[in-house]
Amino acid sequence: MNPRFLSALVALLLVSLLGGCVAPKTVDYAAFKQARPRTILVLPPLNESPDIKATYSLLSQVTFPLAEAGYYVMPVALVDETFQQNGLNTPTDIHNASPAKLKEIFGADAALYITVTQYGTQYRVISSATIVTASAKLVDLKTGTALWTGSATASSEEGNNNGGGGLVGALITAAVKQIINSANDVSHPIAGITSQRLLSAGHPAGLLYGPRSPKYGTD
């Protein structure tokens, strides 16, 4: 084998291996540790996906990981009613409200801004996957300072391997899965996994533990 070709091949393999070993995201927690929010107001997520169910599917599942992390989360139903009483009827209107106004209305320490970028079943020739992707930003309502940002995704195809059957079998399987997933809204439980990954504390680049957690102050 040509030595130059061999060297180039080795270099390409090394680049591929290094590309797969992504360094953990580093987060500056200085503002977060200074603010130490106790109560969190979750805003209805902005929905950039084509599925209208995305906003409230995710919103209905974010309270649990935040509470598990040690925070008091303002009740979603009460918050939704209060927004409407104050003339804020859409997620866009709510996200555009100033931190000072949100602080005045709810008295919370921080607000969580969530954006859903993917929600639903995608059909890609020989595969069909239900994917939910979201990003979040925690903002101090006293100062308007961003305390933390993060993102997460989950897919119904994680860990799955095609069991054979050839191209025709793969096409039929993908089409059937898309029909079943769309009919049964499989996206909702996938959104729950995304919420856990996005908002659980105790992992690299994740939220800090809140004051109701026994691990408060250890991160």
N, C-alpha and C. Protein backbone atom coordinates (compact mmCIF):
# COMPACT_ATOMS: atom_id res chain seq x y z
N MET A 1 0.85 -1.21 0.00
CA MET A 1 0.00 0.00 0.00
C MET A 1 0.88 1.24 0.00
N ASN A 2 0.49 2.23 -0.76
CA ASN A 2 1.23 3.48 -0.82
C ASN A 2 1.35 4.12 0.57
N PRO A 3 2.59 4.44 1.03
CA PRO A 3 2.77 5.02 2.37
C PRO A 3 1.98 6.31 2.59
N ARG A 4 1.91 7.14 1.54
CA ARG A 4 1.16 8.39 1.69
C ARG A 4 -0.33 8.12 1.88
N PHE A 5 -0.83 7.16 1.11
CA PHE A 5 -2.25 6.79 1.26
C PHE A 5 -2.53 6.24 2.65
N LEU A 6 -1.58 5.39 3.13
CA LEU A 6 -1.74 4.81 4.46
C LEU A 6 -1.74 5.88 5.54
N SER A 7 -0.84 6.86 5.41
CA SER A 7 -0.78 7.95 6.39
C SER A 7 -2.06 8.77 6.39
N ALA A 8 -2.57 9.03 5.18
CA ALA A 8 -3.81 9.80 5.07
C ALA A 8 -4.98 9.04 5.68
N LEU A 9 -5.00 7.71 5.46
CA LEU A 9 -6.07 6.89 6.02
C LEU A 9 -6.04 6.89 7.53
N VAL A 10 -4.84 6.76 8.11
CA VAL A 10 -4.69 6.78 9.57
C VAL A 10 -5.13 8.13 10.13
N ALA A 11 -4.73 9.21 9.45
CA ALA A 11 -5.13 10.55 9.91
C ALA A 11 -6.64 10.71 9.89
N LEU A 12 -7.28 10.19 8.82
CA LEU A 12 -8.73 10.29 8.72
C LEU A 12 -9.42 9.52 9.83
N LEU A 13 -8.89 8.32 10.15
CA LEU A 13 -9.46 7.52 11.23
C LEU A 13 -9.32 8.23 12.57
N LEU A 14 -8.18 8.86 12.80
CA LEU A 14 -7.96 9.58 14.06
C LEU A 14 -8.92 10.75 14.19
N VAL A 15 -9.12 11.48 13.10
CA VAL A 15 -10.06 12.60 13.12
C VAL A 15 -11.47 12.12 13.43
N SER A 16 -11.85 10.98 12.83
CA SER A 16 -13.19 10.42 13.06
C SER A 16 -13.36 10.01 14.51
N LEU A 17 -12.33 9.38 15.07
CA LEU A 17 -12.41 8.96 16.47
C LEU A 17 -12.49 10.15 17.40
N LEU A 18 -11.67 11.16 17.14
CA LEU A 18 -11.69 12.34 17.99
C LEU A 18 -13.00 13.09 17.86
N GLY A 19 -13.57 13.08 16.64
CA GLY A 19 -14.85 13.75 16.43
C GLY A 19 -15.96 13.10 17.21
N GLY A 20 -15.84 11.80 17.48
CA GLY A 20 -16.86 11.10 18.25
C GLY A 20 -16.74 11.32 19.73
N CYS A 21 -15.57 11.81 20.17
CA CYS A 21 -15.34 12.04 21.61
C CYS A 21 -15.52 13.52 21.89
N VAL A 22 -16.74 13.96 21.94
CA VAL A 22 -17.03 15.38 22.14
C VAL A 22 -16.83 15.74 23.61
N ALA A 23 -16.09 16.81 23.84
CA ALA A 23 -15.83 17.25 25.21
C ALA A 23 -17.11 17.76 25.85
N PRO A 24 -17.31 17.49 27.14
CA PRO A 24 -18.52 17.97 27.82
C PRO A 24 -18.64 19.48 27.76
N LYS A 25 -19.85 19.96 27.59
CA LYS A 25 -20.08 21.39 27.56
C LYS A 25 -19.73 22.00 28.90
N THR A 26 -19.00 23.10 28.87
CA THR A 26 -18.65 23.79 30.10
C THR A 26 -19.64 24.93 30.33
N VAL A 27 -20.07 25.08 31.57
CA VAL A 27 -21.07 26.08 31.92
C VAL A 27 -20.52 26.97 33.04
N ASP A 28 -20.71 28.27 32.88
CA ASP A 28 -20.33 29.21 33.93
C ASP A 28 -21.52 29.35 34.88
N TYR A 29 -21.37 28.81 36.09
CA TYR A 29 -22.46 28.81 37.05
C TYR A 29 -22.38 29.99 38.04
N ALA A 30 -21.49 30.95 37.80
CA ALA A 30 -21.28 32.03 38.77
C ALA A 30 -22.57 32.79 39.06
N ALA A 31 -23.28 33.21 38.01
CA ALA A 31 -24.53 33.97 38.21
C ALA A 31 -25.59 33.10 38.86
N PHE A 32 -25.65 31.82 38.47
CA PHE A 32 -26.62 30.87 39.04
C PHE A 32 -26.39 30.73 40.55
N LYS A 33 -25.13 30.53 40.94
CA LYS A 33 -24.82 30.34 42.36
C LYS A 33 -25.07 31.61 43.17
N GLN A 34 -24.90 32.75 42.54
CA GLN A 34 -25.16 34.00 43.24
C GLN A 34 -26.66 34.24 43.42
N ALA A 35 -27.42 33.93 42.39
CA ALA A 35 -28.88 34.15 42.45
C ALA A 35 -29.58 33.11 43.31
N ARG A 36 -29.18 31.84 43.20
CA ARG A 36 -29.78 30.73 43.93
C ARG A 36 -31.31 30.80 43.96
N PRO A 37 -31.96 30.69 42.82
CA PRO A 37 -33.43 30.78 42.78
C PRO A 37 -34.09 29.64 43.55
N ARG A 38 -35.21 29.95 44.19
CA ARG A 38 -35.98 28.95 44.93
C ARG A 38 -37.27 28.57 44.20
N THR A 39 -37.89 29.55 43.56
CA THR A 39 -39.15 29.31 42.85
C THR A 39 -38.95 29.58 41.37
N ILE A 40 -39.52 28.70 40.54
CA ILE A 40 -39.37 28.82 39.09
C ILE A 40 -40.73 28.93 38.42
N LEU A 41 -40.85 29.90 37.55
CA LEU A 41 -42.03 30.08 36.72
C LEU A 41 -41.72 29.50 35.34
N VAL A 42 -42.46 28.47 34.93
CA VAL A 42 -42.24 27.87 33.62
C VAL A 42 -43.18 28.52 32.61
N LEU A 43 -42.60 29.11 31.58
CA LEU A 43 -43.41 29.73 30.54
C LEU A 43 -43.83 28.68 29.51
N PRO A 44 -45.01 28.83 28.91
CA PRO A 44 -45.42 27.89 27.85
C PRO A 44 -44.37 27.87 26.74
N PRO A 45 -43.88 26.71 26.38
CA PRO A 45 -42.81 26.64 25.38
C PRO A 45 -43.20 27.22 24.02
N LEU A 46 -42.25 27.88 23.39
CA LEU A 46 -42.42 28.26 22.00
C LEU A 46 -42.33 27.00 21.15
N ASN A 47 -43.16 26.92 20.14
CA ASN A 47 -43.20 25.72 19.30
C ASN A 47 -42.74 26.04 17.89
N GLU A 48 -41.57 25.52 17.51
CA GLU A 48 -41.04 25.69 16.16
C GLU A 48 -41.24 24.43 15.32
N SER A 49 -41.94 23.45 15.87
CA SER A 49 -42.24 22.23 15.12
C SER A 49 -43.59 22.39 14.43
N PRO A 50 -43.92 21.50 13.48
CA PRO A 50 -45.23 21.60 12.81
C PRO A 50 -46.39 21.02 13.61
N ASP A 51 -46.12 20.40 14.76
CA ASP A 51 -47.17 19.75 15.54
C ASP A 51 -47.68 20.70 16.63
N ILE A 52 -48.99 21.01 16.57
CA ILE A 52 -49.55 21.99 17.51
C ILE A 52 -49.60 21.47 18.94
N LYS A 53 -49.41 20.17 19.14
CA LYS A 53 -49.49 19.61 20.49
C LYS A 53 -48.19 19.81 21.27
N ALA A 54 -47.14 20.25 20.61
CA ALA A 54 -45.81 20.28 21.23
C ALA A 54 -45.75 21.13 22.50
N THR A 55 -46.33 22.33 22.45
CA THR A 55 -46.22 23.26 23.58
C THR A 55 -46.75 22.65 24.87
N TYR A 56 -47.99 22.19 24.85
CA TYR A 56 -48.59 21.73 26.10
C TYR A 56 -48.19 20.30 26.45
N SER A 57 -47.73 19.54 25.47
CA SER A 57 -47.20 18.22 25.79
C SER A 57 -45.95 18.35 26.64
N LEU A 58 -45.05 19.23 26.23
CA LEU A 58 -43.82 19.42 27.01
C LEU A 58 -44.11 20.14 28.32
N LEU A 59 -44.96 21.17 28.26
CA LEU A 59 -45.27 21.94 29.46
C LEU A 59 -45.84 21.07 30.57
N SER A 60 -46.64 20.07 30.20
CA SER A 60 -47.27 19.21 31.21
C SER A 60 -46.29 18.27 31.90
N GLN A 61 -45.04 18.20 31.39
CA GLN A 61 -44.09 17.22 31.93
C GLN A 61 -42.82 17.82 32.52
N VAL A 62 -42.71 19.13 32.53
CA VAL A 62 -41.47 19.74 33.02
C VAL A 62 -41.46 19.94 34.54
N THR A 63 -42.63 19.94 35.16
CA THR A 63 -42.68 20.18 36.61
C THR A 63 -41.94 19.10 37.39
N PHE A 64 -42.09 17.84 36.98
CA PHE A 64 -41.51 16.72 37.74
C PHE A 64 -39.99 16.82 37.85
N PRO A 65 -39.23 16.94 36.74
CA PRO A 65 -37.77 17.01 36.90
C PRO A 65 -37.31 18.23 37.67
N LEU A 66 -38.03 19.36 37.54
CA LEU A 66 -37.65 20.56 38.29
C LEU A 66 -37.89 20.36 39.78
N ALA A 67 -39.02 19.74 40.12
CA ALA A 67 -39.31 19.46 41.54
C ALA A 67 -38.31 18.46 42.10
N GLU A 68 -37.96 17.44 41.30
CA GLU A 68 -36.96 16.46 41.73
C GLU A 68 -35.61 17.10 41.94
N ALA A 69 -35.32 18.16 41.18
CA ALA A 69 -34.05 18.86 41.32
C ALA A 69 -34.03 19.76 42.55
N GLY A 70 -35.20 19.99 43.17
CA GLY A 70 -35.23 20.75 44.41
C GLY A 70 -35.82 22.14 44.33
N TYR A 71 -36.63 22.39 43.30
CA TYR A 71 -37.23 23.72 43.15
C TYR A 71 -38.74 23.67 43.35
N TYR A 72 -39.29 24.79 43.80
CA TYR A 72 -40.74 24.94 43.82
C TYR A 72 -41.15 25.48 42.46
N VAL A 73 -42.03 24.77 41.78
CA VAL A 73 -42.50 25.19 40.45
C VAL A 73 -43.92 25.70 40.57
N MET A 74 -44.15 26.89 40.09
CA MET A 74 -45.48 27.47 40.17
C MET A 74 -46.46 26.62 39.36
N PRO A 75 -47.66 26.29 39.92
CA PRO A 75 -48.61 25.39 39.25
C PRO A 75 -48.95 25.83 37.84
N VAL A 76 -48.81 24.91 36.90
CA VAL A 76 -48.97 25.23 35.48
C VAL A 76 -50.36 25.75 35.16
N ALA A 77 -51.39 25.11 35.68
CA ALA A 77 -52.77 25.53 35.37
C ALA A 77 -53.05 26.93 35.91
N LEU A 78 -52.60 27.21 37.12
CA LEU A 78 -52.79 28.54 37.71
C LEU A 78 -52.03 29.59 36.93
N VAL A 79 -50.82 29.26 36.53
CA VAL A 79 -50.01 30.19 35.75
C VAL A 79 -50.68 30.51 34.42
N ASP A 80 -51.20 29.49 33.75
CA ASP A 80 -51.86 29.68 32.45
C ASP A 80 -53.07 30.61 32.59
N GLU A 81 -53.88 30.41 33.65
CA GLU A 81 -55.04 31.26 33.88
C GLU A 81 -54.62 32.69 34.19
N THR A 82 -53.56 32.85 34.95
CA THR A 82 -53.07 34.18 35.31
C THR A 82 -52.56 34.94 34.10
N PHE A 83 -51.88 34.24 33.21
CA PHE A 83 -51.41 34.87 31.98
C PHE A 83 -52.59 35.41 31.18
N GLN A 84 -53.63 34.62 31.06
CA GLN A 84 -54.80 35.04 30.28
C GLN A 84 -55.47 36.26 30.92
N GLN A 85 -55.52 36.28 32.24
CA GLN A 85 -56.13 37.41 32.94
C GLN A 85 -55.32 38.69 32.75
N ASN A 86 -54.05 38.54 32.43
CA ASN A 86 -53.18 39.70 32.21
C ASN A 86 -52.95 39.99 30.73
N GLY A 87 -53.81 39.41 29.89
CA GLY A 87 -53.76 39.72 28.47
C GLY A 87 -52.62 39.07 27.71
N LEU A 88 -52.00 38.04 28.30
CA LEU A 88 -50.91 37.32 27.63
C LEU A 88 -51.46 35.95 27.21
N ASN A 89 -51.83 35.84 25.95
CA ASN A 89 -52.60 34.67 25.52
C ASN A 89 -51.84 33.66 24.69
N THR A 90 -50.67 34.01 24.20
CA THR A 90 -49.89 33.08 23.38
C THR A 90 -48.49 32.95 23.95
N PRO A 91 -47.81 31.83 23.68
CA PRO A 91 -46.43 31.68 24.14
C PRO A 91 -45.52 32.82 23.67
N THR A 92 -45.75 33.29 22.45
CA THR A 92 -44.92 34.39 21.94
C THR A 92 -45.12 35.66 22.77
N ASP A 93 -46.38 36.00 23.08
CA ASP A 93 -46.66 37.17 23.92
C ASP A 93 -45.98 37.02 25.28
N ILE A 94 -46.07 35.82 25.84
CA ILE A 94 -45.52 35.57 27.17
C ILE A 94 -44.00 35.66 27.17
N HIS A 95 -43.35 35.08 26.16
CA HIS A 95 -41.89 35.14 26.08
C HIS A 95 -41.39 36.56 25.85
N ASN A 96 -42.23 37.39 25.24
CA ASN A 96 -41.83 38.78 24.98
C ASN A 96 -42.07 39.70 26.17
N ALA A 97 -42.77 39.21 27.18
CA ALA A 97 -43.00 40.02 28.38
C ALA A 97 -41.68 40.23 29.11
N SER A 98 -41.51 41.38 29.72
CA SER A 98 -40.25 41.67 30.40
C SER A 98 -40.14 40.87 31.70
N PRO A 99 -38.92 40.54 32.11
CA PRO A 99 -38.73 39.86 33.40
C PRO A 99 -39.36 40.63 34.56
N ALA A 100 -39.31 41.95 34.50
CA ALA A 100 -39.89 42.76 35.57
C ALA A 100 -41.40 42.56 35.66
N LYS A 101 -42.07 42.45 34.49
CA LYS A 101 -43.52 42.24 34.49
C LYS A 101 -43.85 40.85 35.04
N LEU A 102 -43.08 39.85 34.66
CA LEU A 102 -43.31 38.50 35.16
C LEU A 102 -43.08 38.44 36.67
N LYS A 103 -42.08 39.17 37.13
CA LYS A 103 -41.80 39.24 38.57
C LYS A 103 -42.95 39.90 39.30
N GLU A 104 -43.48 40.95 38.71
CA GLU A 104 -44.59 41.68 39.33
C GLU A 104 -45.84 40.81 39.43
N ILE A 105 -46.11 40.04 38.37
CA ILE A 105 -47.33 39.22 38.34
C ILE A 105 -47.23 38.01 39.27
N PHE A 106 -46.09 37.32 39.23
CA PHE A 106 -45.99 36.02 39.90
C PHE A 106 -45.10 36.00 41.14
N GLY A 107 -44.15 36.93 41.23
CA GLY A 107 -43.27 36.95 42.39
C GLY A 107 -42.25 35.83 42.42
N ALA A 108 -42.06 35.12 41.30
CA ALA A 108 -41.09 34.02 41.25
C ALA A 108 -39.67 34.56 41.19
N ASP A 109 -38.72 33.70 41.54
CA ASP A 109 -37.31 34.11 41.49
C ASP A 109 -36.76 34.05 40.08
N ALA A 110 -37.19 33.05 39.32
CA ALA A 110 -36.64 32.86 37.97
C ALA A 110 -37.72 32.32 37.04
N ALA A 111 -37.52 32.52 35.75
CA ALA A 111 -38.45 32.01 34.74
C ALA A 111 -37.68 31.08 33.81
N LEU A 112 -38.36 30.01 33.38
CA LEU A 112 -37.75 29.06 32.45
C LEU A 112 -38.38 29.24 31.08
N TYR A 113 -37.56 29.62 30.11
CA TYR A 113 -37.98 29.82 28.73
C TYR A 113 -37.59 28.57 27.94
N ILE A 114 -38.57 27.90 27.34
CA ILE A 114 -38.33 26.67 26.60
C ILE A 114 -38.75 26.85 25.14
N THR A 115 -37.97 26.29 24.23
CA THR A 115 -38.32 26.28 22.81
C THR A 115 -38.26 24.85 22.30
N VAL A 116 -39.33 24.39 21.67
CA VAL A 116 -39.38 23.06 21.08
C VAL A 116 -39.04 23.19 19.59
N THR A 117 -37.98 22.54 19.16
CA THR A 117 -37.56 22.63 17.76
C THR A 117 -37.96 21.40 16.95
N GLN A 118 -38.13 20.26 17.61
CA GLN A 118 -38.59 19.05 16.94
C GLN A 118 -39.63 18.35 17.81
N TYR A 119 -40.71 17.91 17.19
CA TYR A 119 -41.75 17.17 17.90
C TYR A 119 -42.57 16.41 16.88
N GLY A 120 -42.46 15.09 16.91
CA GLY A 120 -43.28 14.31 16.00
C GLY A 120 -42.51 13.20 15.32
N THR A 121 -43.21 12.47 14.47
CA THR A 121 -42.64 11.33 13.76
C THR A 121 -42.15 11.77 12.39
N GLN A 122 -40.92 11.40 12.09
CA GLN A 122 -40.30 11.76 10.83
C GLN A 122 -40.07 10.51 10.00
N TYR A 123 -40.46 10.56 8.73
CA TYR A 123 -40.32 9.43 7.82
C TYR A 123 -39.17 9.71 6.88
N ARG A 124 -38.13 8.88 6.94
CA ARG A 124 -36.93 9.10 6.13
C ARG A 124 -36.62 7.87 5.27
N VAL A 125 -37.38 7.64 4.25
CA VAL A 125 -37.21 6.57 3.25
C VAL A 125 -37.29 5.19 3.88
N ILE A 126 -36.25 4.77 4.62
CA ILE A 126 -36.26 3.41 5.19
C ILE A 126 -36.25 3.45 6.71
N SER A 127 -36.56 4.58 7.29
CA SER A 127 -36.64 4.66 8.74
C SER A 127 -37.74 5.63 9.15
N SER A 128 -38.25 5.44 10.34
CA SER A 128 -39.28 6.33 10.87
C SER A 128 -39.03 6.49 12.36
N ALA A 129 -38.81 7.71 12.81
CA ALA A 129 -38.47 7.94 14.22
C ALA A 129 -39.30 9.08 14.78
N THR A 130 -39.71 8.94 16.03
CA THR A 130 -40.38 10.01 16.75
C THR A 130 -39.33 10.74 17.58
N ILE A 131 -39.16 12.02 17.31
CA ILE A 131 -38.08 12.79 17.92
C ILE A 131 -38.65 14.04 18.59
N VAL A 132 -38.16 14.32 19.79
CA VAL A 132 -38.50 15.56 20.49
C VAL A 132 -37.21 16.24 20.93
N THR A 133 -37.02 17.47 20.49
CA THR A 133 -35.83 18.24 20.83
C THR A 133 -36.26 19.59 21.40
N ALA A 134 -35.62 20.00 22.47
CA ALA A 134 -35.98 21.28 23.09
C ALA A 134 -34.74 21.93 23.71
N SER A 135 -34.80 23.24 23.80
CA SER A 135 -33.76 24.01 24.48
C SER A 135 -34.42 24.85 25.56
N ALA A 136 -33.64 25.26 26.56
CA ALA A 136 -34.20 26.02 27.68
C ALA A 136 -33.21 27.06 28.18
N LYS A 137 -33.77 28.12 28.75
CA LYS A 137 -32.96 29.17 29.36
C LYS A 137 -33.62 29.59 30.67
N LEU A 138 -32.85 29.59 31.75
CA LEU A 138 -33.34 30.03 33.06
C LEU A 138 -32.89 31.47 33.29
N VAL A 139 -33.85 32.34 33.56
CA VAL A 139 -33.57 33.77 33.68
C VAL A 139 -33.96 34.29 35.06
N ASP A 140 -33.06 35.05 35.67
CA ASP A 140 -33.32 35.69 36.95
C ASP A 140 -34.31 36.83 36.73
N LEU A 141 -35.47 36.78 37.37
CA LEU A 141 -36.49 37.79 37.14
C LEU A 141 -36.19 39.12 37.83
N LYS A 142 -35.25 39.13 38.75
CA LYS A 142 -34.87 40.39 39.39
C LYS A 142 -33.99 41.23 38.48
N THR A 143 -33.07 40.57 37.78
CA THR A 143 -32.07 41.29 37.00
C THR A 143 -32.18 41.06 35.50
N GLY A 144 -32.92 40.03 35.09
CA GLY A 144 -32.99 39.69 33.68
C GLY A 144 -31.77 38.92 33.19
N THR A 145 -30.91 38.50 34.11
CA THR A 145 -29.69 37.77 33.76
C THR A 145 -29.99 36.30 33.45
N ALA A 146 -29.39 35.79 32.39
CA ALA A 146 -29.50 34.36 32.07
C ALA A 146 -28.61 33.59 33.04
N LEU A 147 -29.21 32.66 33.79
CA LEU A 147 -28.48 31.89 34.78
C LEU A 147 -27.96 30.57 34.23
N TRP A 148 -28.68 30.03 33.24
CA TRP A 148 -28.32 28.71 32.71
C TRP A 148 -29.02 28.49 31.37
N THR A 149 -28.36 27.78 30.46
CA THR A 149 -28.98 27.36 29.21
C THR A 149 -28.65 25.88 28.96
N GLY A 150 -29.55 25.20 28.28
CA GLY A 150 -29.31 23.79 27.99
C GLY A 150 -30.19 23.32 26.85
N SER A 151 -29.92 22.13 26.36
CA SER A 151 -30.73 21.53 25.31
C SER A 151 -30.70 20.02 25.45
N ALA A 152 -31.71 19.36 24.90
CA ALA A 152 -31.79 17.90 25.00
C ALA A 152 -32.68 17.37 23.89
N THR A 153 -32.48 16.11 23.56
CA THR A 153 -33.31 15.45 22.55
C THR A 153 -33.52 13.99 22.94
N ALA A 154 -34.59 13.41 22.45
CA ALA A 154 -34.87 12.00 22.67
C ALA A 154 -35.56 11.46 21.42
N SER A 155 -35.32 10.18 21.12
CA SER A 155 -35.86 9.56 19.92
C SER A 155 -36.38 8.16 20.24
N SER A 156 -37.42 7.78 19.55
CA SER A 156 -37.98 6.44 19.72
C SER A 156 -37.05 5.37 19.16
N GLU A 157 -36.08 5.78 18.37
CA GLU A 157 -35.18 4.82 17.72
C GLU A 157 -33.88 4.60 18.48
N GLU A 158 -33.74 5.18 19.65
CA GLU A 158 -32.51 5.01 20.42
C GLU A 158 -32.30 3.54 20.77
N GLY A 159 -31.13 3.02 20.39
CA GLY A 159 -30.79 1.64 20.71
C GLY A 159 -31.42 0.61 19.82
N ASN A 160 -32.21 1.03 18.83
CA ASN A 160 -32.86 0.07 17.93
C ASN A 160 -31.95 -0.31 16.78
N ASN A 161 -32.01 -1.56 16.38
CA ASN A 161 -31.30 -2.05 15.20
C ASN A 161 -32.30 -2.75 14.28
N ASN A 162 -32.19 -2.50 12.99
CA ASN A 162 -33.08 -3.17 12.04
C ASN A 162 -32.82 -4.67 12.05
N GLY A 163 -33.85 -5.46 12.08
CA GLY A 163 -33.70 -6.90 12.17
C GLY A 163 -33.65 -7.59 10.82
N GLY A 164 -33.30 -6.88 9.75
CA GLY A 164 -33.22 -7.51 8.44
C GLY A 164 -34.53 -7.37 7.69
N GLY A 165 -34.69 -8.17 6.64
CA GLY A 165 -35.90 -8.12 5.84
C GLY A 165 -35.72 -7.39 4.53
N GLY A 166 -34.50 -6.83 4.31
CA GLY A 166 -34.24 -6.17 3.04
C GLY A 166 -34.85 -4.80 2.95
N LEU A 167 -34.64 -4.16 1.79
CA LEU A 167 -35.10 -2.79 1.58
C LEU A 167 -36.61 -2.68 1.63
N VAL A 168 -37.32 -3.60 0.98
CA VAL A 168 -38.79 -3.54 0.98
C VAL A 168 -39.33 -3.69 2.39
N GLY A 169 -38.76 -4.63 3.15
CA GLY A 169 -39.19 -4.81 4.54
C GLY A 169 -38.96 -3.58 5.37
N ALA A 170 -37.80 -2.91 5.17
CA ALA A 170 -37.49 -1.70 5.92
C ALA A 170 -38.46 -0.58 5.58
N LEU A 171 -38.81 -0.45 4.29
CA LEU A 171 -39.75 0.59 3.86
C LEU A 171 -41.13 0.37 4.47
N ILE A 172 -41.59 -0.87 4.45
CA ILE A 172 -42.91 -1.18 5.01
C ILE A 172 -42.92 -0.93 6.51
N THR A 173 -41.86 -1.36 7.20
CA THR A 173 -41.78 -1.15 8.65
C THR A 173 -41.79 0.32 9.01
N ALA A 174 -41.03 1.12 8.26
CA ALA A 174 -40.98 2.56 8.53
C ALA A 174 -42.34 3.20 8.33
N ALA A 175 -43.04 2.83 7.25
CA ALA A 175 -44.35 3.41 6.97
C ALA A 175 -45.37 3.04 8.03
N VAL A 176 -45.37 1.77 8.44
CA VAL A 176 -46.31 1.31 9.47
C VAL A 176 -46.04 2.01 10.80
N LYS A 177 -44.75 2.14 11.15
CA LYS A 177 -44.40 2.81 12.41
C LYS A 177 -44.84 4.26 12.40
N GLN A 178 -44.71 4.92 11.26
CA GLN A 178 -45.13 6.32 11.19
C GLN A 178 -46.63 6.45 11.41
N ILE A 179 -47.40 5.57 10.81
CA ILE A 179 -48.86 5.60 10.97
C ILE A 179 -49.25 5.37 12.43
N ILE A 180 -48.64 4.35 13.04
CA ILE A 180 -48.96 4.01 14.43
C ILE A 180 -48.55 5.14 15.36
N ASN A 181 -47.34 5.67 15.17
CA ASN A 181 -46.84 6.73 16.05
C ASN A 181 -47.67 7.99 15.93
N SER A 182 -48.06 8.33 14.70
CA SER A 182 -48.86 9.55 14.50
C SER A 182 -50.25 9.39 15.09
N ALA A 183 -50.82 8.21 14.96
CA ALA A 183 -52.18 7.97 15.45
C ALA A 183 -52.24 7.96 16.97
N ASN A 184 -51.17 7.51 17.63
CA ASN A 184 -51.19 7.36 19.08
C ASN A 184 -50.40 8.42 19.82
N ASP A 185 -49.90 9.41 19.12
CA ASP A 185 -49.11 10.49 19.72
C ASP A 185 -48.00 9.92 20.61
N VAL A 186 -47.16 9.11 20.02
CA VAL A 186 -46.00 8.56 20.73
C VAL A 186 -45.04 9.67 21.13
N SER A 187 -45.19 10.85 20.54
CA SER A 187 -44.31 11.98 20.87
C SER A 187 -44.43 12.38 22.34
N HIS A 188 -45.61 12.19 22.93
CA HIS A 188 -45.81 12.66 24.30
C HIS A 188 -44.87 11.99 25.30
N PRO A 189 -44.77 10.64 25.34
CA PRO A 189 -43.80 10.04 26.25
C PRO A 189 -42.36 10.35 25.88
N ILE A 190 -42.08 10.53 24.59
CA ILE A 190 -40.72 10.92 24.19
C ILE A 190 -40.41 12.32 24.71
N ALA A 191 -41.43 13.19 24.73
CA ALA A 191 -41.25 14.54 25.29
C ALA A 191 -40.92 14.46 26.77
N GLY A 192 -41.48 13.45 27.47
CA GLY A 192 -41.17 13.27 28.88
C GLY A 192 -39.70 12.94 29.09
N ILE A 193 -39.15 12.11 28.21
CA ILE A 193 -37.73 11.76 28.30
C ILE A 193 -36.86 12.99 28.02
N THR A 194 -37.27 13.77 27.02
CA THR A 194 -36.54 15.00 26.71
C THR A 194 -36.55 15.95 27.91
N SER A 195 -37.71 16.08 28.56
CA SER A 195 -37.83 16.95 29.73
C SER A 195 -36.88 16.52 30.85
N GLN A 196 -36.81 15.21 31.08
CA GLN A 196 -35.92 14.69 32.12
C GLN A 196 -34.47 15.01 31.79
N ARG A 197 -34.09 14.77 30.55
CA ARG A 197 -32.71 15.03 30.16
C ARG A 197 -32.36 16.51 30.22
N LEU A 198 -33.33 17.33 29.88
CA LEU A 198 -33.10 18.77 29.83
C LEU A 198 -33.01 19.40 31.20
N LEU A 199 -33.87 18.96 32.14
CA LEU A 199 -34.05 19.71 33.38
C LEU A 199 -33.64 18.97 34.65
N SER A 200 -33.11 17.76 34.54
CA SER A 200 -32.63 17.06 35.73
C SER A 200 -31.31 17.70 36.20
N ALA A 201 -31.11 17.72 37.51
CA ALA A 201 -29.87 18.24 38.09
C ALA A 201 -28.89 17.10 38.30
N GLY A 202 -27.63 17.47 38.52
CA GLY A 202 -26.64 16.47 38.89
C GLY A 202 -25.87 15.85 37.75
N HIS A 203 -25.98 16.40 36.54
CA HIS A 203 -25.18 15.88 35.45
C HIS A 203 -24.42 17.03 34.79
N PRO A 204 -23.34 16.74 34.07
CA PRO A 204 -22.53 17.82 33.47
C PRO A 204 -23.37 18.78 32.64
N ALA A 205 -23.19 20.06 32.90
CA ALA A 205 -23.87 21.15 32.19
C ALA A 205 -25.35 21.24 32.52
N GLY A 206 -25.83 20.48 33.52
CA GLY A 206 -27.24 20.51 33.89
C GLY A 206 -27.55 21.59 34.91
N LEU A 207 -28.80 21.64 35.33
CA LEU A 207 -29.21 22.58 36.38
C LEU A 207 -28.51 22.26 37.69
N LEU A 208 -28.32 23.27 38.51
CA LEU A 208 -27.83 23.05 39.86
C LEU A 208 -28.98 22.56 40.73
N TYR A 209 -28.66 21.85 41.80
CA TYR A 209 -29.70 21.42 42.73
C TYR A 209 -30.33 22.62 43.41
N GLY A 210 -31.65 22.54 43.62
CA GLY A 210 -32.37 23.62 44.26
C GLY A 210 -32.42 23.44 45.77
N PRO A 211 -32.96 24.44 46.50
CA PRO A 211 -32.95 24.44 47.96
C PRO A 211 -33.79 23.35 48.61
N ARG A 212 -34.68 22.72 47.88
CA ARG A 212 -35.49 21.64 48.45
C ARG A 212 -34.82 20.27 48.31
N SER A 213 -33.69 20.23 47.65
CA SER A 213 -32.96 18.97 47.45
C SER A 213 -31.95 18.76 48.59
N PRO A 214 -31.80 17.50 49.07
CA PRO A 214 -30.77 17.22 50.07
C PRO A 214 -29.36 17.44 49.54
N LYS A 215 -29.23 17.54 48.22
CA LYS A 215 -27.92 17.76 47.60
C LYS A 215 -27.66 19.23 47.32
N TYR A 216 -28.53 20.08 47.82
CA TYR A 216 -28.39 21.52 47.60
C TYR A 216 -27.03 22.02 48.08
N GLY A 217 -26.34 22.76 47.21
CA GLY A 217 -25.05 23.33 47.58
C GLY A 217 -23.87 22.40 47.39
N THR A 218 -24.11 21.17 46.94
CA THR A 218 -23.01 20.24 46.76
C THR A 218 -22.45 20.28 45.33
N ASP A 219 -23.13 20.99 44.43
CA ASP A 219 -22.65 21.03 43.03
C ASP A 219 -21.98 22.36 42.72
